[in-house]
Structures are given as structure tokens and as C-alpha cells.
């Protein structure tokens, strides 16, 4: 899952650390404020068993494709 996180400049490092602690990898950092906001992309690889297809198949009693 990939999300772009935009935050006030003064909260940038705190928000980045929160995402790292939650298991996200940080990419495409933009620490220089534009209109008072900084941003980064937080990326977390989902295990195959957590994919929607696998969960639906499990719920239906089948195997993922």
C-alpha cells in the first residue's frame, strides 16, 4: 500500500517517525515546505495472504488464484 502524507512543516519529522514505527518505508521525501506543507510517500508491502483476492478466497472456502 502506498500513501502520500502531507503535513504541516513543524510536524514533518514526527509524522515520518510515526509511519516508520508502523512498518512503512519512506520514499519521495519533500521536506522543504510549499505553502506551509511538507510531504512524503509511505510504502508498506502487504503480505500475499493479506491481499483482497486471498481474503475473499479464504472466506469462500477456496484457495487464492
C-alpha atoms as a PDB file:
ATOM      1  CA  UNK A   1       0.000   0.000   0.000  1.00  0.00           C
ATOM      2  CA  UNK A   2       1.341   3.417  -0.952  1.00  0.00           C
ATOM      3  CA  UNK A   3       0.089   6.677   0.545  1.00  0.00           C
ATOM      4  CA  UNK A   4       1.205  10.286   0.231  1.00  0.00           C
ATOM      5  CA  UNK A   5       1.357  12.013   3.600  1.00  0.00           C
ATOM      6  CA  UNK A   6       1.130  15.809   3.624  1.00  0.00           C
ATOM      7  CA  UNK A   7       1.670  17.565   6.915  1.00  0.00           C
ATOM      8  CA  UNK A   8       2.493  20.930   8.407  1.00  0.00           C
ATOM      9  CA  UNK A   9       6.213  21.644   8.226  1.00  0.00           C
ATOM     10  CA  UNK A  10       6.644  21.662  12.022  1.00  0.00           C
ATOM     11  CA  UNK A  11       5.120  18.141  12.285  1.00  0.00           C
ATOM     12  CA  UNK A  12       7.031  16.598   9.363  1.00  0.00           C
ATOM     13  CA  UNK A  13       9.671  14.628  11.325  1.00  0.00           C
ATOM     14  CA  UNK A  14       7.117  13.455  13.902  1.00  0.00           C
ATOM     15  CA  UNK A  15       4.708  12.159  11.232  1.00  0.00           C
ATOM     16  CA  UNK A  16       7.548  10.479   9.350  1.00  0.00           C
ATOM     17  CA  UNK A  17       8.703   8.712  12.536  1.00  0.00           C
ATOM     18  CA  UNK A  18       5.132   7.566  13.274  1.00  0.00           C
ATOM     19  CA  UNK A  19       4.893   5.917   9.866  1.00  0.00           C
ATOM     20  CA  UNK A  20       8.304   4.255  10.227  1.00  0.00           C
ATOM     21  CA  UNK A  21       7.217   2.829  13.608  1.00  0.00           C
ATOM     22  CA  UNK A  22       4.077   1.422  11.957  1.00  0.00           C
ATOM     23  CA  UNK A  23       6.155  -0.502   9.429  1.00  0.00           C
ATOM     24  CA  UNK A  24       6.120   1.853   6.444  1.00  0.00           C
ATOM     25  CA  UNK A  25       9.133   2.565   4.275  1.00  0.00           C
ATOM     26  CA  UNK A  26       9.568   6.253   3.424  1.00  0.00           C
ATOM     27  CA  UNK A  27      10.060   7.340  -0.188  1.00  0.00           C
ATOM     28  CA  UNK A  28       9.988  10.577  -2.155  1.00  0.00           C
ATOM     29  CA  UNK A  29      10.578  12.915   0.772  1.00  0.00           C
ATOM     30  CA  UNK A  30       9.766  16.578   0.218  1.00  0.00           C
ATOM     31  CA  UNK A  31      10.951  18.243   3.439  1.00  0.00           C
ATOM     32  CA  UNK A  32      11.007  21.785   2.024  1.00  0.00           C
ATOM     33  CA  UNK A  33       7.644  23.406   2.794  1.00  0.00           C
ATOM     34  CA  UNK A  34       5.406  24.572  -0.033  1.00  0.00           C
ATOM     35  CA  UNK A  35       2.553  26.725   1.245  1.00  0.00           C
ATOM     36  CA  UNK A  36       3.441  25.510   4.749  1.00  0.00           C
ATOM     37  CA  UNK A  37       3.182  21.781   3.920  1.00  0.00           C
ATOM     38  CA  UNK A  38       5.792  19.051   3.512  1.00  0.00           C
ATOM     39  CA  UNK A  39       5.119  15.548   2.217  1.00  0.00           C
ATOM     40  CA  UNK A  40       6.472  12.048   1.763  1.00  0.00           C
ATOM     41  CA  UNK A  41       5.286   8.749   0.375  1.00  0.00           C
ATOM     42  CA  UNK A  42       4.855   5.930   2.886  1.00  0.00           C
ATOM     43  CA  UNK A  43       5.006   2.433   1.405  1.00  0.00           C
ATOM     44  CA  UNK A  44       4.145  -0.829   3.113  1.00  0.00           C
ATOM     45  CA  UNK A  45       4.386  -4.165   1.384  1.00  0.00           C
ATOM     46  CA  UNK A  46       1.341  -6.273   2.123  1.00  0.00           C
ATOM     47  CA  UNK A  47       1.999  -9.993   2.580  1.00  0.00           C
ATOM     48  CA  UNK A  48       0.383 -12.123  -0.116  1.00  0.00           C
ATOM     49  CA  UNK A  49      -2.010 -13.618   2.434  1.00  0.00           C
ATOM     50  CA  UNK A  50      -3.419 -10.145   3.127  1.00  0.00           C
ATOM     51  CA  UNK A  51      -4.358  -9.445  -0.471  1.00  0.00           C
ATOM     52  CA  UNK A  52      -8.043  -8.952  -1.188  1.00  0.00           C
ATOM     53  CA  UNK A  53      -8.143 -11.955  -3.529  1.00  0.00           C
ATOM     54  CA  UNK A  54      -6.684 -14.223  -0.856  1.00  0.00           C
ATOM     55  CA  UNK A  55      -9.080 -12.974   1.801  1.00  0.00           C
ATOM     56  CA  UNK A  56     -12.112 -13.417  -0.471  1.00  0.00           C
ATOM     57  CA  UNK A  57     -10.994 -16.899  -1.478  1.00  0.00           C
ATOM     58  CA  UNK A  58     -10.474 -17.847   2.157  1.00  0.00           C
ATOM     59  CA  UNK A  59     -13.920 -16.521   3.082  1.00  0.00           C
ATOM     60  CA  UNK A  60     -15.463 -18.581   0.276  1.00  0.00           C
ATOM     61  CA  UNK A  61     -13.555 -21.677   1.348  1.00  0.00           C
ATOM     62  CA  UNK A  62     -11.309 -21.798  -1.692  1.00  0.00           C
ATOM     63  CA  UNK A  63      -7.716 -21.099  -2.447  1.00  0.00           C
ATOM     64  CA  UNK A  64      -6.301 -17.866  -3.827  1.00  0.00           C
ATOM     65  CA  UNK A  65      -5.594 -17.865  -7.560  1.00  0.00           C
END
